[in-house]
Protein backbone atom coordinates (compact mmCIF):
# COMPACT_ATOMS: atom_id res chain seq x y z
CA MET A 1 47.06 -6.79 57.27
CA SER A 2 47.74 -10.50 57.04
CA VAL A 3 45.16 -12.87 55.58
CA PRO A 4 44.63 -16.63 56.03
CA VAL A 5 46.62 -18.66 53.51
CA LEU A 6 46.61 -22.25 52.21
CA VAL A 7 49.88 -23.49 50.74
CA THR A 8 49.88 -26.69 48.70
CA VAL A 9 53.19 -28.56 48.66
CA ASP A 10 54.35 -30.53 45.63
CA ASP A 11 54.31 -34.28 46.34
CA GLY A 12 57.98 -34.51 45.38
CA ALA A 13 58.89 -32.01 48.11
CA LEU A 14 57.16 -33.79 51.00
CA GLY A 15 60.41 -35.51 52.00
CA GLY A 16 61.92 -32.06 52.60
CA LEU A 17 58.85 -30.54 54.20
CA THR A 18 60.83 -29.03 57.08
CA ALA A 19 62.95 -27.05 54.62
CA VAL A 20 59.85 -25.92 52.70
CA VAL A 21 58.26 -24.68 55.95
CA ALA A 22 61.43 -22.80 56.90
CA ALA A 23 61.63 -21.17 53.46
CA LEU A 24 57.96 -20.16 53.63
CA GLU A 25 58.52 -18.58 57.05
CA SER A 26 61.50 -16.66 55.65
CA ALA A 27 59.29 -15.48 52.78
CA GLY A 28 56.67 -14.08 55.17
CA LEU A 29 54.31 -16.91 56.12
CA ARG A 30 53.28 -17.27 59.76
CA VAL A 31 52.70 -21.02 59.88
CA ASP A 32 49.71 -22.28 61.86
CA ARG A 33 49.55 -25.95 60.88
CA VAL A 34 51.54 -28.38 58.76
CA LEU A 35 49.39 -31.18 57.34
CA PRO A 36 51.71 -33.61 55.53
CA GLU A 37 48.92 -36.12 54.93
CA ILE A 38 47.25 -33.71 52.52
CA ALA A 39 50.40 -31.80 51.44
CA THR A 40 49.06 -28.55 52.88
CA ILE A 41 50.37 -25.82 55.16
CA THR A 42 48.03 -23.27 56.70
CA GLY A 43 49.01 -19.89 58.01
CA ALA A 44 48.75 -16.17 57.46
CA ALA A 45 50.67 -13.68 55.34
CA GLU A 46 50.48 -10.23 53.88
CA PRO A 47 48.99 -10.31 50.36
CA SER A 48 52.17 -8.59 49.14
CA ALA A 49 54.14 -11.73 50.16
CA PHE A 50 52.16 -14.13 47.94
CA ALA A 51 54.61 -13.90 45.02
CA ALA A 52 57.55 -14.71 47.31
CA LEU A 53 55.63 -17.63 48.83
CA ARG A 54 54.82 -19.01 45.37
CA ALA A 55 58.52 -18.79 44.45
CA VAL A 56 59.58 -21.15 47.27
CA SER A 57 60.94 -24.42 45.92
CA GLY A 58 58.49 -27.25 46.55
CA VAL A 59 55.40 -25.04 46.66
CA ASP A 60 52.68 -26.10 44.24
CA GLY A 61 50.21 -23.32 45.04
CA VAL A 62 49.37 -20.44 47.36
CA GLU A 63 45.87 -19.13 47.81
CA ARG A 64 43.94 -17.01 50.20
CA ALA A 65 41.84 -19.24 52.45
CA GLY A 66 38.11 -18.77 52.27
CA PRO A 67 35.95 -17.91 55.23
CA GLY A 68 35.56 -20.59 57.84
CA PHE A 69 32.33 -22.20 58.80
CA SER A 70 30.71 -23.14 62.05
CA ILE A 71 28.09 -25.60 63.09
CA PRO A 72 25.15 -24.10 64.99
CA HIS A 73 24.31 -25.31 68.46
CA PRO A 74 22.11 -28.44 68.32
CA GLY A 75 19.32 -26.59 70.14
CA LYS A 76 19.03 -23.89 67.46
CA GLY A 77 16.34 -24.06 64.84
CA VAL A 78 16.91 -24.69 61.16
CA GLN A 79 19.04 -21.94 59.63
């Protein structure tokens, strides 16, 4: 079962971000968003693919994304 993933790209690889994204996809990442401003790619992958994702040239780090958060409706009471 795939899990949400955050990939941090090395600043030196940002000029070749398209190639990094393609290599990550080949290594098993389903890319959701590419955020060059913060050198981050979000997506999903099988935990067994993490080592292959970390081995991609230009990748600084790969980690499982934490749970999201939501803002309650303004009419709800204090949580």
